[in-house]
Amino acid sequence: MIKNEILLTSGLQQLKGLHWQAENEQATVVLVHGFGEHITRYEHVARKFTEKRLSVIGVDLIGHGHSTGKRGHVNSIDDFFACIEAMVNHVQAKTKPLVLYGHSMGGNLVLNYQIRHPQSPFCCVLATSPWLQLAMQPSPAQLFLAKTMNKIFPSLQQTGDLDITQISSVEAVQKDYASDPLNHNKISVRLFNEIYRHGLQALDKAAEIAVPVLVAHGEADGITSAAASKEFAAHCPKATLKLWPGLRHETHNEHNKDEVLDFYTDWIIGEMG
């Protein structure tokens, strides 16, 4: 495996990321991380994938990690889609096929990207613990306030109420997340509204995705809704649903992470034929 740091541009923003290149690669996985984190947290994921000859490219999304942009804010979900397109442009001429993989908020983004771009170059899509709905749904009053503020002060930020123990049952993962200076829990009204609205849109338009999709979720996830993942998979014609009993939000960081990642890589390879 060869790991290269990359610097891409998306509009006026600079995206810093990593490209893990496998020997004799058979595909490249475009990886989209979740809210408040950054791509370096997926180092062990990339190493596991490259062992299966799957190269991985990922960037810190706008407003995250080492990339530019106001922390936890975008003007539109299109800004995140542009991050995906920047990665595709970086690798598309070098390798085929391409696989799209997103976790949590990234899971929302990859599903909606495929809905928006049915002719995309991706042969299959993997969404783990996708933020289609939150495990604890906002109240009608909270949603009304969010929609109102989205119109008059979209960049207004709040501090997210993240229970770090819900990330993983592994205490070392919890401690590493809490002490990582690149992680943040700031979320703007606009970003919340964009992800919330597109989560509902993905559920409504699941049948429009024509490529194979793996939707995976830990049944003990207290952050994003496993029930919403089941609903999506039930309406997506080429979806495979994988529920992990007892696992929390970051299935790739749980006690059986090797089993989890083997399942993900084997599914990708199987779908590539």
C-alpha atoms as a PDB file:
ATOM      1  CA  MET A   1       0.000   0.000   0.000  1.00  0.00           C
ATOM      2  CA  ILE A   2       1.147   3.518  -0.840  1.00  0.00           C
ATOM      3  CA  LYS A   3      -0.401   6.400   1.117  1.00  0.00           C
ATOM      4  CA  ASN A   4      -0.326   9.881  -0.412  1.00  0.00           C
ATOM      5  CA  GLU A   5      -1.562  13.145   0.992  1.00  0.00           C
ATOM      6  CA  ILE A   6      -3.746  15.019  -1.485  1.00  0.00           C
ATOM      7  CA  LEU A   7      -4.974  18.589  -1.803  1.00  0.00           C
ATOM      8  CA  LEU A   8      -8.052  19.120  -3.960  1.00  0.00           C
ATOM      9  CA  THR A   9     -10.147  22.190  -4.660  1.00  0.00           C
ATOM     10  CA  SER A  10     -13.914  22.528  -4.569  1.00  0.00           C
ATOM     11  CA  GLY A  11     -15.073  25.983  -5.537  1.00  0.00           C
ATOM     12  CA  LEU A  12     -13.239  28.363  -3.219  1.00  0.00           C
ATOM     13  CA  GLN A  13     -12.493  25.641  -0.667  1.00  0.00           C
ATOM     14  CA  GLN A  14      -9.401  23.496  -0.262  1.00  0.00           C
ATOM     15  CA  LEU A  15      -9.896  19.846   0.626  1.00  0.00           C
ATOM     16  CA  LYS A  16      -7.113  17.958   2.348  1.00  0.00           C
ATOM     17  CA  GLY A  17      -7.228  14.204   2.252  1.00  0.00           C
ATOM     18  CA  LEU A  18      -5.507  10.886   1.710  1.00  0.00           C
ATOM     19  CA  HIS A  19      -5.227   8.393  -1.129  1.00  0.00           C
ATOM     20  CA  TRP A  20      -4.365   4.853  -0.057  1.00  0.00           C
ATOM     21  CA  GLN A  21      -3.330   2.966  -3.193  1.00  0.00           C
ATOM     22  CA  ALA A  22      -3.446  -0.828  -3.180  1.00  0.00           C
ATOM     23  CA  GLU A  23      -1.040  -3.028  -5.097  1.00  0.00           C
ATOM     24  CA  ASN A  24      -2.658  -4.463  -8.232  1.00  0.00           C
ATOM     25  CA  GLU A  25      -5.819  -2.554  -7.383  1.00  0.00           C
ATOM     26  CA  GLN A  26      -9.105  -3.879  -8.689  1.00  0.00           C
ATOM     27  CA  ALA A  27     -11.193  -0.817  -7.749  1.00  0.00           C
ATOM     28  CA  THR A  28     -11.068   2.494  -5.933  1.00  0.00           C
ATOM     29  CA  VAL A  29     -13.411   3.328  -3.069  1.00  0.00           C
ATOM     30  CA  VAL A  30     -14.450   6.974  -2.674  1.00  0.00           C
ATOM     31  CA  LEU A  31     -14.956   7.318   1.089  1.00  0.00           C
ATOM     32  CA  VAL A  32     -17.145  10.027   2.671  1.00  0.00           C
ATOM     33  CA  HIS A  33     -16.806  10.454   6.435  1.00  0.00           C
ATOM     34  CA  GLY A  34     -19.469  11.463   8.943  1.00  0.00           C
ATOM     35  CA  PHE A  35     -20.418  14.693  10.663  1.00  0.00           C
ATOM     36  CA  GLY A  36     -17.866  16.284  12.965  1.00  0.00           C
ATOM     37  CA  GLU A  37     -14.996  13.904  12.190  1.00  0.00           C
ATOM     38  CA  HIS A  38     -12.262  13.603   9.557  1.00  0.00           C
ATOM     39  CA  ILE A  39     -10.801  11.136   7.110  1.00  0.00           C
ATOM     40  CA  THR A  40      -7.699  10.166   9.121  1.00  0.00           C
ATOM     41  CA  ARG A  41     -10.007   8.235  11.474  1.00  0.00           C
ATOM     42  CA  TYR A  42     -10.419   5.743   8.619  1.00  0.00           C
ATOM     43  CA  GLU A  43      -6.760   4.735   8.402  1.00  0.00           C
ATOM     44  CA  HIS A  44      -7.478   1.197   9.644  1.00  0.00           C
ATOM     45  CA  VAL A  45     -10.450   0.920   7.286  1.00  0.00           C
ATOM     46  CA  ALA A  46      -8.269   1.854   4.325  1.00  0.00           C
ATOM     47  CA  ARG A  47      -5.580  -0.626   5.345  1.00  0.00           C
ATOM     48  CA  LYS A  48      -8.151  -3.415   5.499  1.00  0.00           C
ATOM     49  CA  PHE A  49      -9.537  -2.443   2.104  1.00  0.00           C
ATOM     50  CA  THR A  50      -6.129  -2.248   0.438  1.00  0.00           C
ATOM     51  CA  GLU A  51      -5.403  -5.800   1.648  1.00  0.00           C
ATOM     52  CA  LYS A  52      -8.291  -6.796  -0.647  1.00  0.00           C
ATOM     53  CA  ARG A  53      -6.812  -4.738  -3.527  1.00  0.00           C
ATOM     54  CA  LEU A  54      -9.308  -1.913  -3.009  1.00  0.00           C
ATOM     55  CA  SER A  55      -7.691   1.512  -3.091  1.00  0.00           C
ATOM     56  CA  VAL A  56      -9.345   4.228  -0.988  1.00  0.00           C
ATOM     57  CA  ILE A  57      -9.549   7.996  -1.457  1.00  0.00           C
ATOM     58  CA  GLY A  58     -11.077  10.352   1.097  1.00  0.00           C
ATOM     59  CA  VAL A  59     -10.983  14.032   1.966  1.00  0.00           C
ATOM     60  CA  ASP A  60     -11.998  16.055   4.978  1.00  0.00           C
ATOM     61  CA  LEU A  61     -15.340  17.518   3.943  1.00  0.00           C
ATOM     62  CA  ILE A  62     -15.837  21.285   3.816  1.00  0.00           C
ATOM     63  CA  GLY A  63     -15.908  22.607   7.382  1.00  0.00           C
ATOM     64  CA  HIS A  64     -14.217  19.500   8.770  1.00  0.00           C
ATOM     65  CA  GLY A  65     -10.716  18.379   9.700  1.00  0.00           C
ATOM     66  CA  HIS A  66      -7.925  20.114   7.801  1.00  0.00           C
ATOM     67  CA  SER A  67     -10.163  21.367   4.973  1.00  0.00           C
ATOM     68  CA  THR A  68     -11.298  24.965   4.760  1.00  0.00           C
ATOM     69  CA  GLY A  69     -14.759  26.301   5.505  1.00  0.00           C
ATOM     70  CA  LYS A  70     -16.663  27.295   8.629  1.00  0.00           C
ATOM     71  CA  ARG A  71     -16.774  24.389  11.060  1.00  0.00           C
ATOM     72  CA  GLY A  72     -20.000  22.415  10.737  1.00  0.00           C
ATOM     73  CA  HIS A  73     -21.570  24.601   8.052  1.00  0.00           C
ATOM     74  CA  VAL A  74     -22.368  24.442   4.341  1.00  0.00           C
ATOM     75  CA  ASN A  75     -24.547  26.696   2.240  1.00  0.00           C
ATOM     76  CA  SER A  76     -26.065  23.687   0.473  1.00  0.00           C
ATOM     77  CA  ILE A  77     -25.739  19.909   0.340  1.00  0.00           C
ATOM     78  CA  ASP A  78     -24.388  20.561  -3.156  1.00  0.00           C
ATOM     79  CA  ASP A  79     -21.178  21.742  -1.460  1.00  0.00           C
ATOM     80  CA  PHE A  80     -20.694  18.226  -0.103  1.00  0.00           C
ATOM     81  CA  PHE A  81     -21.600  16.676  -3.453  1.00  0.00           C
ATOM     82  CA  ALA A  82     -18.849  18.811  -4.986  1.00  0.00           C
ATOM     83  CA  CYS A  83     -16.372  17.180  -2.561  1.00  0.00           C
ATOM     84  CA  ILE A  84     -17.369  13.777  -3.943  1.00  0.00           C
ATOM     85  CA  GLU A  85     -16.956  15.035  -7.499  1.00  0.00           C
ATOM     86  CA  ALA A  86     -13.490  16.409  -6.698  1.00  0.00           C
ATOM     87  CA  MET A  87     -12.404  12.949  -5.546  1.00  0.00           C
ATOM     88  CA  VAL A  88     -13.926  11.294  -8.604  1.00  0.00           C
ATOM     89  CA  ASN A  89     -12.096  13.716 -10.884  1.00  0.00           C
ATOM     90  CA  HIS A  90      -8.840  12.919  -9.099  1.00  0.00           C
ATOM     91  CA  VAL A  91      -9.041   9.147  -9.629  1.00  0.00           C
ATOM     92  CA  GLN A  92     -11.471   8.438 -12.456  1.00  0.00           C
ATOM     93  CA  ALA A  93      -8.917   8.567 -15.253  1.00  0.00           C
ATOM     94  CA  LYS A  94      -6.599   6.243 -13.326  1.00  0.00           C
ATOM     95  CA  THR A  95      -8.814   3.353 -12.274  1.00  0.00           C
ATOM     96  CA  LYS A  96     -12.112   1.591 -12.763  1.00  0.00           C
ATOM     97  CA  PRO A  97     -14.474   0.599 -11.320  1.00  0.00           C
ATOM     98  CA  LEU A  98     -15.361   3.123  -8.633  1.00  0.00           C
ATOM     99  CA  VAL A  99     -17.245   2.390  -5.409  1.00  0.00           C
ATOM    100  CA  LEU A 100     -19.008   5.012  -3.241  1.00  0.00           C
ATOM    101  CA  TYR A 101     -18.888   4.480   0.537  1.00  0.00           C
ATOM    102  CA  GLY A 102     -20.260   6.824   3.183  1.00  0.00           C
ATOM    103  CA  HIS A 103     -20.726   6.598   6.940  1.00  0.00           C
ATOM    104  CA  SER A 104     -23.400   8.374   9.030  1.00  0.00           C
ATOM    105  CA  MET A 105     -23.848  11.825   7.454  1.00  0.00           C
ATOM    106  CA  GLY A 106     -21.633  10.453   4.694  1.00  0.00           C
ATOM    107  CA  GLY A 107     -24.158   7.644   4.257  1.00  0.00           C
ATOM    108  CA  ASN A 108     -26.872  10.234   3.680  1.00  0.00           C
ATOM    109  CA  LEU A 109     -24.636  12.030   1.183  1.00  0.00           C
ATOM    110  CA  VAL A 110     -23.716   8.978  -0.888  1.00  0.00           C
ATOM    111  CA  LEU A 111     -27.316   7.776  -1.186  1.00  0.00           C
ATOM    112  CA  ASN A 112     -28.549  11.204  -2.198  1.00  0.00           C
ATOM    113  CA  TYR A 113     -25.639  11.666  -4.582  1.00  0.00           C
ATOM    114  CA  GLN A 114     -26.605   8.474  -6.395  1.00  0.00           C
ATOM    115  CA  ILE A 115     -30.263   9.555  -6.480  1.00  0.00           C
ATOM    116  CA  ARG A 116     -29.232  12.929  -7.893  1.00  0.00           C
ATOM    117  CA  HIS A 117     -26.751  11.394 -10.371  1.00  0.00           C
ATOM    118  CA  PRO A 118     -28.163   8.075 -11.620  1.00  0.00           C
ATOM    119  CA  GLN A 119     -25.511   8.001 -14.372  1.00  0.00           C
ATOM    120  CA  SER A 120     -22.634   8.383 -11.905  1.00  0.00           C
ATOM    121  CA  PRO A 121     -19.498   6.252 -12.463  1.00  0.00           C
ATOM    122  CA  PHE A 122     -20.071   4.203  -9.295  1.00  0.00           C
ATOM    123  CA  CYS A 123     -20.766   0.497  -9.720  1.00  0.00           C
ATOM    124  CA  CYS A 124     -22.163   0.119  -6.194  1.00  0.00           C
ATOM    125  CA  VAL A 125     -22.823   2.123  -3.028  1.00  0.00           C
ATOM    126  CA  LEU A 126     -22.135   1.293   0.620  1.00  0.00           C
ATOM    127  CA  ALA A 127     -23.924   3.289   3.348  1.00  0.00           C
ATOM    128  CA  THR A 128     -23.088   2.451   6.962  1.00  0.00           C
ATOM    129  CA  SER A 129     -25.204   3.802   9.815  1.00  0.00           C
ATOM    130  CA  PRO A 130     -26.621   6.399   7.407  1.00  0.00           C
ATOM    131  CA  TRP A 131     -28.113   9.554   8.899  1.00  0.00           C
ATOM    132  CA  LEU A 132     -31.516   9.195   7.266  1.00  0.00           C
ATOM    133  CA  GLN A 133     -33.202   9.908  10.562  1.00  0.00           C
ATOM    134  CA  LEU A 134     -31.780  10.392  14.031  1.00  0.00           C
ATOM    135  CA  ALA A 135     -32.325   7.747  16.674  1.00  0.00           C
ATOM    136  CA  MET A 136     -33.976  10.450  18.797  1.00  0.00           C
ATOM    137  CA  GLN A 137     -36.207  12.430  16.476  1.00  0.00           C
ATOM    138  CA  PRO A 138     -36.398  16.229  16.922  1.00  0.00           C
ATOM    139  CA  SER A 139     -39.698  17.498  18.290  1.00  0.00           C
ATOM    140  CA  PRO A 140     -42.119  19.426  16.033  1.00  0.00           C
ATOM    141  CA  ALA A 141     -41.195  22.605  17.920  1.00  0.00           C
ATOM    142  CA  GLN A 142     -37.479  22.023  17.311  1.00  0.00           C
ATOM    143  CA  LEU A 143     -38.081  21.388  13.610  1.00  0.00           C
ATOM    144  CA  PHE A 144     -40.202  24.532  13.301  1.00  0.00           C
ATOM    145  CA  LEU A 145     -37.465  26.600  14.939  1.00  0.00           C
ATOM    146  CA  ALA A 146     -34.790  25.034  12.704  1.00  0.00           C
ATOM    147  CA  LYS A 147     -36.786  25.802   9.537  1.00  0.00           C
ATOM    148  CA  THR A 148     -37.448  29.367  10.689  1.00  0.00           C
ATOM    149  CA  MET A 149     -33.821  30.087  11.556  1.00  0.00           C
ATOM    150  CA  ASN A 150     -32.726  28.497   8.278  1.00  0.00           C
ATOM    151  CA  LYS A 151     -34.450  31.361   6.485  1.00  0.00           C
ATOM    152  CA  ILE A 152     -33.125  34.237   8.594  1.00  0.00           C
ATOM    153  CA  PHE A 153     -29.775  33.058  10.051  1.00  0.00           C
ATOM    154  CA  PRO A 154     -28.648  29.847   8.269  1.00  0.00           C
ATOM    155  CA  SER A 155     -25.074  29.942   9.578  1.00  0.00           C
ATOM    156  CA  LEU A 156     -26.192  30.076  13.218  1.00  0.00           C
ATOM    157  CA  GLN A 157     -24.413  27.286  15.035  1.00  0.00           C
ATOM    158  CA  GLN A 158     -25.358  25.129  17.949  1.00  0.00           C
ATOM    159  CA  THR A 159     -23.328  22.622  19.897  1.00  0.00           C
ATOM    160  CA  GLY A 160     -24.457  19.109  19.107  1.00  0.00           C
ATOM    161  CA  ASP A 161     -25.442  16.919  22.043  1.00  0.00           C
ATOM    162  CA  LEU A 162     -23.311  13.893  21.166  1.00  0.00           C
ATOM    163  CA  ASP A 163     -23.140  11.019  23.626  1.00  0.00           C
ATOM    164  CA  ILE A 164     -19.660   9.708  22.886  1.00  0.00           C
ATOM    165  CA  THR A 165     -20.469   6.349  24.482  1.00  0.00           C
ATOM    166  CA  GLN A 166     -22.866   5.745  21.572  1.00  0.00           C
ATOM    167  CA  ILE A 167     -20.067   5.922  18.991  1.00  0.00           C
ATOM    168  CA  SER A 168     -18.678   2.519  19.922  1.00  0.00           C
ATOM    169  CA  SER A 169     -18.775   0.099  22.826  1.00  0.00           C
ATOM    170  CA  VAL A 170     -14.949   0.128  22.812  1.00  0.00           C
ATOM    171  CA  GLU A 171     -13.720   2.543  25.487  1.00  0.00           C
ATOM    172  CA  ALA A 172     -10.450   3.256  23.669  1.00  0.00           C
ATOM    173  CA  VAL A 173     -12.430   4.469  20.648  1.00  0.00           C
ATOM    174  CA  GLN A 174     -14.530   6.727  22.872  1.00  0.00           C
ATOM    175  CA  LYS A 175     -11.426   8.229  24.506  1.00  0.00           C
ATOM    176  CA  ASP A 176      -9.651   8.740  21.185  1.00  0.00           C
ATOM    177  CA  TYR A 177     -12.691  10.502  19.752  1.00  0.00           C
ATOM    178  CA  ALA A 178     -13.021  12.806  22.776  1.00  0.00           C
ATOM    179  CA  SER A 179      -9.334  13.766  22.743  1.00  0.00           C
ATOM    180  CA  ASP A 180      -9.013  14.277  18.968  1.00  0.00           C
ATOM    181  CA  PRO A 181      -8.656  18.039  18.324  1.00  0.00           C
ATOM    182  CA  LEU A 182      -9.866  17.670  14.734  1.00  0.00           C
ATOM    183  CA  ASN A 183     -13.284  16.384  15.818  1.00  0.00           C
ATOM    184  CA  HIS A 184     -15.979  18.972  16.513  1.00  0.00           C
ATOM    185  CA  ASN A 185     -19.646  19.090  17.505  1.00  0.00           C
ATOM    186  CA  LYS A 186     -20.662  22.396  15.914  1.00  0.00           C
ATOM    187  CA  ILE A 187     -23.584  22.248  13.519  1.00  0.00           C
ATOM    188  CA  SER A 188     -25.238  25.127  11.697  1.00  0.00           C
ATOM    189  CA  VAL A 189     -28.955  25.508  11.149  1.00  0.00           C
ATOM    190  CA  ARG A 190     -28.427  25.192   7.388  1.00  0.00           C
ATOM    191  CA  LEU A 191     -26.368  21.997   7.595  1.00  0.00           C
ATOM    192  CA  PHE A 192     -28.921  20.362   9.893  1.00  0.00           C
ATOM    193  CA  ASN A 193     -31.809  21.319   7.641  1.00  0.00           C
ATOM    194  CA  GLU A 194     -30.029  20.075   4.518  1.00  0.00           C
ATOM    195  CA  ILE A 195     -29.203  16.682   6.013  1.00  0.00           C
ATOM    196  CA  TYR A 196     -32.602  16.291   7.693  1.00  0.00           C
ATOM    197  CA  ARG A 197     -34.486  17.157   4.497  1.00  0.00           C
ATOM    198  CA  HIS A 198     -32.351  14.931   2.298  1.00  0.00           C
ATOM    199  CA  GLY A 199     -32.654  12.043   4.737  1.00  0.00           C
ATOM    200  CA  LEU A 200     -36.404  12.111   4.205  1.00  0.00           C
ATOM    201  CA  GLN A 201     -35.839  12.535   0.467  1.00  0.00           C
ATOM    202  CA  ALA A 202     -33.643   9.427   0.330  1.00  0.00           C
ATOM    203  CA  LEU A 203     -36.368   7.412   2.044  1.00  0.00           C
ATOM    204  CA  ASP A 204     -38.911   8.746  -0.448  1.00  0.00           C
ATOM    205  CA  LYS A 205     -36.738   8.088  -3.510  1.00  0.00           C
ATOM    206  CA  ALA A 206     -35.003   4.854  -2.524  1.00  0.00           C
ATOM    207  CA  ALA A 207     -36.548   3.033  -5.475  1.00  0.00           C
ATOM    208  CA  GLU A 208     -34.736   5.338  -7.907  1.00  0.00           C
ATOM    209  CA  ILE A 209     -31.287   3.872  -7.160  1.00  0.00           C
ATOM    210  CA  ALA A 210     -30.508   1.279  -9.806  1.00  0.00           C
ATOM    211  CA  VAL A 211     -27.038   0.131  -8.666  1.00  0.00           C
ATOM    212  CA  PRO A 212     -26.438  -2.369  -5.844  1.00  0.00           C
ATOM    213  CA  VAL A 213     -26.532  -0.782  -2.388  1.00  0.00           C
ATOM    214  CA  LEU A 214     -25.363  -2.202   0.935  1.00  0.00           C
ATOM    215  CA  VAL A 215     -27.079  -0.566   3.909  1.00  0.00           C
ATOM    216  CA  ALA A 216     -25.463  -1.615   7.187  1.00  0.00           C
ATOM    217  CA  HIS A 217     -26.429  -0.548  10.683  1.00  0.00           C
ATOM    218  CA  GLY A 218     -25.729  -1.518  14.270  1.00  0.00           C
ATOM    219  CA  GLU A 219     -28.969  -2.411  16.022  1.00  0.00           C
ATOM    220  CA  ALA A 220     -27.757  -0.700  19.212  1.00  0.00           C
ATOM    221  CA  ASP A 221     -27.024   2.592  17.420  1.00  0.00           C
ATOM    222  CA  GLY A 222     -28.243   5.460  19.608  1.00  0.00           C
ATOM    223  CA  ILE A 223     -27.198   8.179  17.148  1.00  0.00           C
ATOM    224  CA  THR A 224     -28.812   7.366  13.799  1.00  0.00           C
ATOM    225  CA  SER A 225     -31.912   5.290  13.201  1.00  0.00           C
ATOM    226  CA  ALA A 226     -31.540   1.622  12.262  1.00  0.00           C
ATOM    227  CA  ALA A 227     -35.290   1.553  11.611  1.00  0.00           C
ATOM    228  CA  ALA A 228     -34.853   4.199   8.908  1.00  0.00           C
ATOM    229  CA  SER A 229     -32.142   2.076   7.286  1.00  0.00           C
ATOM    230  CA  LYS A 230     -34.536  -0.878   7.253  1.00  0.00           C
ATOM    231  CA  GLU A 231     -37.214   1.288   5.658  1.00  0.00           C
ATOM    232  CA  PHE A 232     -34.799   2.500   2.978  1.00  0.00           C
ATOM    233  CA  ALA A 233     -33.618  -1.016   2.145  1.00  0.00           C
ATOM    234  CA  ALA A 234     -37.191  -2.256   1.897  1.00  0.00           C
ATOM    235  CA  HIS A 235     -37.881   0.214  -0.927  1.00  0.00           C
ATOM    236  CA  CYS A 236     -34.538   0.097  -2.768  1.00  0.00           C
ATOM    237  CA  PRO A 237     -34.727  -2.648  -5.418  1.00  0.00           C
ATOM    238  CA  LYS A 238     -31.051  -3.673  -5.310  1.00  0.00           C
ATOM    239  CA  ALA A 239     -30.416  -3.097  -1.603  1.00  0.00           C
ATOM    240  CA  THR A 240     -28.776  -5.556   0.764  1.00  0.00           C
ATOM    241  CA  LEU A 241     -29.560  -4.865   4.418  1.00  0.00           C
ATOM    242  CA  LYS A 242     -27.020  -5.902   7.058  1.00  0.00           C
ATOM    243  CA  LEU A 243     -27.977  -5.376  10.696  1.00  0.00           C
ATOM    244  CA  TRP A 244     -25.322  -5.927  13.349  1.00  0.00           C
ATOM    245  CA  PRO A 245     -26.833  -7.077  16.674  1.00  0.00           C
ATOM    246  CA  GLY A 246     -25.454  -5.171  19.656  1.00  0.00           C
ATOM    247  CA  LEU A 247     -23.223  -2.834  17.657  1.00  0.00           C
ATOM    248  CA  ARG A 248     -23.332   0.927  18.087  1.00  0.00           C
ATOM    249  CA  HIS A 249     -22.865   3.753  15.590  1.00  0.00           C
ATOM    250  CA  GLU A 250     -19.371   3.159  14.201  1.00  0.00           C
ATOM    251  CA  THR A 251     -19.592  -0.483  13.177  1.00  0.00           C
ATOM    252  CA  HIS A 252     -16.072  -0.224  11.728  1.00  0.00           C
ATOM    253  CA  ASN A 253     -14.766   0.720  15.195  1.00  0.00           C
ATOM    254  CA  GLU A 254     -16.495  -1.972  17.243  1.00  0.00           C
ATOM    255  CA  HIS A 255     -14.951  -4.971  19.034  1.00  0.00           C
ATOM    256  CA  ASN A 256     -15.486  -7.143  15.941  1.00  0.00           C
ATOM    257  CA  LYS A 257     -14.317  -4.541  13.442  1.00  0.00           C
ATOM    258  CA  ASP A 258     -12.302  -7.088  11.437  1.00  0.00           C
ATOM    259  CA  GLU A 259     -15.441  -9.166  10.850  1.00  0.00           C
ATOM    260  CA  VAL A 260     -17.368  -6.021   9.919  1.00  0.00           C
ATOM    261  CA  LEU A 261     -14.776  -4.752   7.466  1.00  0.00           C
ATOM    262  CA  ASP A 262     -14.358  -8.207   5.920  1.00  0.00           C
ATOM    263  CA  PHE A 263     -18.098  -8.256   5.287  1.00  0.00           C
ATOM    264  CA  TYR A 264     -17.968  -4.835   3.622  1.00  0.00           C
ATOM    265  CA  THR A 265     -15.012  -5.637   1.382  1.00  0.00           C
ATOM    266  CA  ASP A 266     -16.387  -9.054   0.442  1.00  0.00           C
ATOM    267  CA  TRP A 267     -19.720  -7.477  -0.527  1.00  0.00           C
ATOM    268  CA  ILE A 268     -17.982  -4.900  -2.729  1.00  0.00           C
ATOM    269  CA  ILE A 269     -15.863  -7.530  -4.459  1.00  0.00           C
ATOM    270  CA  GLY A 270     -18.899  -9.741  -4.947  1.00  0.00           C
ATOM    271  CA  GLU A 271     -20.876  -6.923  -6.564  1.00  0.00           C
ATOM    272  CA  MET A 272     -18.010  -6.149  -8.923  1.00  0.00           C
ATOM    273  CA  GLY A 273     -18.237  -9.699 -10.224  1.00  0.00           C
END
